[in-house]
Amino acid sequence: MEELFLSLNGYNCVPLPGKRFTSIKRLYLNNSEICDWAELNKIGRAFPSLEELIMTESLLRNILPSPSKADCAFPNLKSLVLNRTMLNDWSDIEALNTFPSLKDVRLLGIPLLNDYSEKQGRQLLIANLPNIEMLNNSKILPKERDGADRMFIRKFMDSKNPPKRYKKLVELHGHLERLADVNLAPKQTAIVEIHYEDLPPFSREVKLNQTVFDFKKSLVDVVGVPPSGFRLFYHDFEALEVFGPEELKSSVSKTCLHRFKVKDGDSFQIVRKGA
């Protein structure tokens, strides 16, 4: 027998077994009440050939590091599933690095990651698990690992007491520059130039979330007639030579200026009707 199901057993401790079961390679302990990894070490001793341990939706609260490779309770464990357990400390994640054969880990829905987005949580796990090749059923590619390592370094570069992993990653990647603080939010205003008849052109700051009609109303003080009494042309300074001016007709009166990609340096020309 290679596969054993012990889920929903109600045990919160493991009696010391009287023998070892060397044929078992996969063990299911879902919905277990075992809280302490020390109890699981007893299972590892009883099943020395164990390659996969599935312990979803269990009360497990910690993971203990192996004192040495020779004394590891799970020397052949390749896959560990701890989804929706109670793990809530990064030292538990670091302990997984002491399992000599572990390559596949699943850690979805643990309290430790509650304060992070899905992407941030995955990056932090990858940065803390250098030997893992599969995380949450997804292969860790070299590019993703490199990005996770660098994110980890930048996250803790100002910390007075960074995690142990921080020093090792700095030794691997060196000290990194801070990322530029780029504001990707859309602009709310633009400085444009207004042209009207023989008046000297003048600059005006316009709100880009206002409609064409509202913008025309703001120009009444210049023209001296209501919006229906003049035409308005938009000049995109980057595309003027190719497309020419664009008349903002009544059909777009309810359209906001940002839809036309109005930006600093553009201009508007006012033409009175009947002129």
Protein backbone atom coordinates (compact mmCIF):
# COMPACT_ATOMS: atom_id res chain seq x y z
CA MET A 1 0.00 0.00 0.00
CA GLU A 2 1.35 3.42 -1.01
CA GLU A 3 -1.59 5.73 -0.23
CA LEU A 4 -3.27 6.21 3.14
CA PHE A 5 -6.37 8.29 4.07
CA LEU A 6 -6.55 9.49 7.67
CA SER A 7 -8.69 12.62 7.18
CA LEU A 8 -11.41 13.65 9.65
CA ASN A 9 -9.83 11.47 12.34
CA GLY A 10 -10.41 13.83 15.28
CA TYR A 11 -6.93 13.20 16.72
CA ASN A 12 -5.00 16.17 18.12
CA CYS A 13 -1.90 14.11 18.89
CA VAL A 14 -0.11 11.14 17.34
CA PRO A 15 0.64 8.01 19.43
CA LEU A 16 4.18 6.78 18.94
CA PRO A 17 3.89 3.93 16.43
CA GLY A 18 5.44 0.58 17.21
CA LYS A 19 6.78 0.12 13.68
CA ARG A 20 7.69 1.93 10.47
CA PHE A 21 5.62 1.69 7.30
CA THR A 22 8.08 2.08 4.48
CA SER A 23 5.65 1.56 1.58
CA ILE A 24 3.44 4.64 2.26
CA LYS A 25 4.23 7.50 -0.11
CA ARG A 26 1.07 9.64 0.06
CA LEU A 27 -0.85 10.53 3.24
CA TYR A 28 -4.11 12.49 3.56
CA LEU A 29 -4.73 14.31 6.87
CA ASN A 30 -7.39 16.80 5.77
CA ASN A 31 -9.58 18.44 8.45
CA SER A 32 -7.14 17.32 11.11
CA GLU A 33 -7.12 18.78 14.65
CA ILE A 34 -3.35 18.41 14.99
CA CYS A 35 -1.94 21.86 15.86
CA ASP A 36 1.74 21.22 16.54
CA TRP A 37 4.29 20.13 13.95
CA ALA A 38 6.04 18.10 16.64
CA GLU A 39 3.15 15.65 16.35
CA LEU A 40 3.62 15.47 12.60
CA ASN A 41 7.28 14.62 13.08
CA LYS A 42 6.05 11.37 14.65
CA ILE A 43 4.17 10.67 11.44
CA GLY A 44 7.34 11.36 9.46
CA ARG A 45 9.22 8.81 11.55
CA ALA A 46 6.46 6.26 11.03
CA PHE A 47 6.36 6.80 7.25
CA PRO A 48 10.00 7.42 6.23
CA SER A 49 9.25 7.03 2.49
CA LEU A 50 6.48 9.63 2.50
CA GLU A 51 6.61 11.84 -0.60
CA GLU A 52 3.33 13.75 -0.35
CA LEU A 53 1.46 15.03 2.71
CA ILE A 54 -1.96 16.62 2.20
CA MET A 55 -3.28 18.51 5.22
CA THR A 56 -5.92 20.95 3.92
CA GLU A 57 -8.34 22.75 6.27
CA SER A 58 -6.52 21.70 9.42
CA LEU A 59 -5.67 23.41 12.71
CA LEU A 60 -1.91 23.27 12.19
CA ARG A 61 -0.33 26.42 13.66
CA ASN A 62 3.40 25.97 13.15
CA ILE A 63 6.16 24.22 11.21
CA LEU A 64 9.37 23.18 12.97
CA PRO A 65 12.68 23.18 11.08
CA SER A 66 14.62 19.96 10.84
CA PRO A 67 17.75 20.05 13.03
CA SER A 68 19.80 18.51 10.22
CA LYS A 69 19.42 16.69 6.94
CA ALA A 70 20.41 13.43 8.60
CA ASP A 71 17.81 13.88 11.32
CA CYS A 72 14.96 15.13 9.13
CA ALA A 73 11.64 13.44 9.92
CA PHE A 74 10.56 13.87 6.28
CA PRO A 75 13.68 13.10 4.22
CA ASN A 76 11.75 12.15 1.08
CA LEU A 77 8.83 14.60 1.26
CA LYS A 78 8.47 16.26 -2.15
CA SER A 79 4.97 17.78 -1.94
CA LEU A 80 3.27 19.47 1.02
CA VAL A 81 -0.32 20.77 0.92
CA LEU A 82 -1.23 23.10 3.79
CA ASN A 83 -4.09 25.11 2.26
CA ARG A 84 -6.39 26.81 4.77
CA THR A 85 -4.33 25.88 7.83
CA MET A 86 -3.60 28.33 10.68
CA LEU A 87 -0.02 29.27 9.76
CA ASN A 88 0.65 32.90 10.68
CA ASP A 89 4.41 33.40 11.04
CA TRP A 90 7.17 33.73 8.43
CA SER A 91 9.43 31.49 10.52
CA ASP A 92 7.09 28.61 9.59
CA ILE A 93 7.70 29.30 5.91
CA GLU A 94 11.46 29.52 6.45
CA ALA A 95 11.35 26.13 8.21
CA LEU A 96 10.31 24.51 4.94
CA ASN A 97 13.79 25.21 3.57
CA THR A 98 15.18 22.55 5.92
CA PHE A 99 13.25 19.75 4.19
CA PRO A 100 15.86 18.29 1.81
CA SER A 101 13.53 16.93 -0.91
CA LEU A 102 10.64 19.43 -0.80
CA LYS A 103 9.88 20.97 -4.21
CA ASP A 104 6.09 21.51 -4.28
CA VAL A 105 4.19 23.55 -1.66
CA ARG A 106 0.59 24.77 -1.47
CA LEU A 107 -0.24 27.48 1.02
CA LEU A 108 -3.52 29.04 -0.08
CA GLY A 109 -5.81 30.68 2.43
CA ILE A 110 -3.43 30.88 5.41
CA PRO A 111 -3.75 33.81 7.89
CA LEU A 112 -0.14 34.85 7.23
CA LEU A 113 -1.14 36.18 3.79
CA ASN A 114 -4.38 37.94 4.76
CA ASP A 115 -2.84 41.43 4.61
CA TYR A 116 -1.34 40.98 1.14
CA SER A 117 -2.75 40.91 -2.36
CA GLU A 118 -2.58 37.58 -4.16
CA LYS A 119 0.43 38.74 -6.16
CA GLN A 120 2.29 40.17 -3.15
CA GLY A 121 1.65 37.04 -1.09
CA ARG A 122 2.97 34.81 -3.85
CA GLN A 123 6.09 36.96 -4.29
CA LEU A 124 6.85 36.91 -0.58
CA LEU A 125 6.47 33.13 -0.46
CA ILE A 126 8.73 32.65 -3.48
CA ALA A 127 11.40 34.93 -2.01
CA ASN A 128 11.34 32.91 1.22
CA LEU A 129 11.41 29.49 -0.48
CA PRO A 130 14.50 29.31 -2.72
CA ASN A 131 14.31 25.53 -3.19
CA ILE A 132 10.64 25.29 -4.14
CA GLU A 133 9.84 24.74 -7.82
CA MET A 134 6.03 24.62 -7.64
CA LEU A 135 3.89 26.98 -5.55
CA ASN A 136 0.12 26.63 -5.33
CA ASN A 137 -0.02 24.40 -8.39
CA SER A 138 1.96 26.86 -10.51
CA LYS A 139 5.56 26.44 -11.67
CA ILE A 140 7.96 29.14 -10.49
CA LEU A 141 9.83 30.43 -13.54
CA PRO A 142 13.29 32.04 -13.22
CA LYS A 143 11.96 35.47 -14.23
CA GLU A 144 9.24 35.31 -11.58
CA ARG A 145 11.70 34.28 -8.89
CA ASP A 146 14.06 37.10 -9.81
CA GLY A 147 11.21 39.62 -9.59
CA ALA A 148 10.07 38.21 -6.25
CA ASP A 149 13.58 38.39 -4.80
CA ARG A 150 13.97 42.01 -5.87
CA MET A 151 10.57 42.97 -4.50
CA PHE A 152 11.54 41.40 -1.17
CA ILE A 153 14.80 43.37 -1.04
CA ARG A 154 13.05 46.68 -1.76
CA LYS A 155 10.30 45.93 0.73
CA PHE A 156 12.75 45.53 3.61
CA MET A 157 15.62 47.81 2.51
CA ASP A 158 14.65 50.45 5.11
CA SER A 159 13.81 47.98 7.87
CA LYS A 160 15.93 48.20 11.03
CA ASN A 161 15.37 44.50 11.66
CA PRO A 162 14.90 42.79 8.27
CA PRO A 163 14.16 39.07 7.97
CA LYS A 164 17.07 36.66 7.74
CA ARG A 165 16.28 36.02 4.10
CA TYR A 166 16.97 39.69 3.29
CA LYS A 167 20.72 39.39 3.85
CA LYS A 168 20.98 36.30 1.65
CA LEU A 169 19.06 37.97 -1.17
CA VAL A 170 21.26 41.07 -1.00
CA GLU A 171 24.31 38.80 -1.27
CA LEU A 172 22.72 37.27 -4.37
CA HIS A 173 21.41 40.40 -6.12
CA GLY A 174 23.37 43.22 -4.46
CA HIS A 175 21.92 46.44 -3.07
CA LEU A 176 19.17 47.68 -5.40
CA GLU A 177 18.14 51.18 -6.39
CA ARG A 178 14.73 52.37 -5.33
CA LEU A 179 12.05 52.18 -7.97
CA ALA A 180 11.01 55.52 -9.43
CA ASP A 181 7.77 56.83 -8.00
CA VAL A 182 5.71 57.13 -11.17
CA ASN A 183 2.24 58.60 -10.88
CA LEU A 184 0.05 56.78 -13.41
CA ALA A 185 -3.17 58.52 -12.39
CA PRO A 186 -4.83 60.45 -15.25
CA LYS A 187 -4.25 64.20 -15.27
CA GLN A 188 -7.11 66.30 -13.96
CA THR A 189 -6.15 69.59 -15.61
CA ALA A 190 -4.19 70.94 -18.59
CA ILE A 191 -2.72 74.34 -19.48
CA VAL A 192 -4.03 75.28 -22.94
CA GLU A 193 -3.89 78.35 -25.15
CA ILE A 194 -7.05 80.21 -26.19
CA HIS A 195 -7.24 82.07 -29.54
CA TYR A 196 -10.05 84.50 -30.29
CA GLU A 197 -10.14 87.00 -33.16
CA ASP A 198 -7.64 89.81 -32.69
CA LEU A 199 -7.11 89.29 -28.99
CA PRO A 200 -3.61 88.15 -27.99
CA PRO A 201 -3.58 84.38 -27.31
CA PHE A 202 -3.77 83.63 -23.59
CA SER A 203 -3.25 80.56 -21.43
CA ARG A 204 -5.91 78.98 -19.24
CA GLU A 205 -5.98 75.98 -16.96
CA VAL A 206 -8.94 73.78 -17.85
CA LYS A 207 -10.48 70.88 -15.96
CA LEU A 208 -10.40 67.76 -18.11
CA ASN A 209 -13.40 66.15 -16.42
CA GLN A 210 -15.73 68.93 -17.57
CA THR A 211 -17.90 68.56 -20.67
CA VAL A 212 -17.39 70.47 -23.91
CA PHE A 213 -20.54 72.46 -23.15
CA ASP A 214 -19.29 73.43 -19.69
CA PHE A 215 -15.97 74.48 -21.21
CA LYS A 216 -17.78 76.64 -23.76
CA LYS A 217 -19.78 78.25 -20.94
CA SER A 218 -16.50 79.16 -19.23
CA LEU A 219 -15.50 81.06 -22.38
CA VAL A 220 -18.59 83.27 -22.47
CA ASP A 221 -16.68 85.99 -20.61
CA VAL A 222 -14.22 86.09 -23.49
CA VAL A 223 -16.66 86.01 -26.40
CA GLY A 224 -19.55 87.91 -24.88
CA VAL A 225 -22.20 85.62 -26.36
CA PRO A 226 -23.75 82.31 -25.12
CA PRO A 227 -22.22 78.94 -26.15
CA SER A 228 -24.72 78.65 -29.01
CA GLY A 229 -23.30 81.82 -30.51
CA PHE A 230 -19.79 80.57 -31.28
CA ARG A 231 -17.90 77.57 -32.62
CA LEU A 232 -14.95 75.93 -30.85
CA PHE A 233 -12.02 74.22 -32.55
CA TYR A 234 -9.51 71.97 -30.77
CA HIS A 235 -5.86 71.97 -31.88
CA ASP A 236 -3.77 68.98 -30.79
CA PHE A 237 -0.27 70.42 -31.16
CA GLU A 238 1.23 66.97 -31.80
CA ALA A 239 -1.21 66.04 -34.57
CA LEU A 240 -2.20 69.42 -35.99
CA GLU A 241 -0.11 69.12 -39.15
CA VAL A 242 -1.57 65.70 -39.93
CA PHE A 243 -5.21 66.02 -38.93
CA GLY A 244 -5.78 69.77 -38.65
CA PRO A 245 -8.13 71.39 -36.11
CA GLU A 246 -11.16 69.46 -34.83
CA GLU A 247 -14.45 71.29 -34.35
CA LEU A 248 -16.20 70.40 -31.10
CA LYS A 249 -19.76 70.35 -32.38
CA SER A 250 -23.02 70.12 -30.44
CA SER A 251 -22.99 66.34 -30.93
CA VAL A 252 -20.09 66.11 -28.46
CA SER A 253 -21.32 68.77 -26.04
CA LYS A 254 -21.77 66.18 -23.26
CA THR A 255 -18.36 64.59 -23.86
CA CYS A 256 -15.63 65.32 -21.31
CA LEU A 257 -12.45 66.99 -22.49
CA HIS A 258 -10.27 64.09 -21.35
CA ARG A 259 -11.88 61.94 -24.07
CA PHE A 260 -10.05 64.09 -26.63
CA LYS A 261 -6.74 63.53 -24.78
CA VAL A 262 -6.33 67.25 -24.18
CA LYS A 263 -2.88 67.97 -22.72
CA ASP A 264 -0.56 70.81 -21.81
CA GLY A 265 0.37 72.86 -24.88
CA ASP A 266 -2.79 72.20 -26.89
CA SER A 267 -4.95 75.14 -27.98
CA PHE A 268 -8.54 76.09 -28.72
CA GLN A 269 -9.78 78.59 -31.27
CA ILE A 270 -13.06 80.45 -30.82
CA VAL A 271 -14.98 81.54 -33.94
CA ARG A 272 -18.15 83.60 -33.55
CA LYS A 273 -21.04 82.43 -35.71
CA GLY A 274 -21.79 84.81 -38.50
CA ALA A 275 -18.35 86.32 -38.27
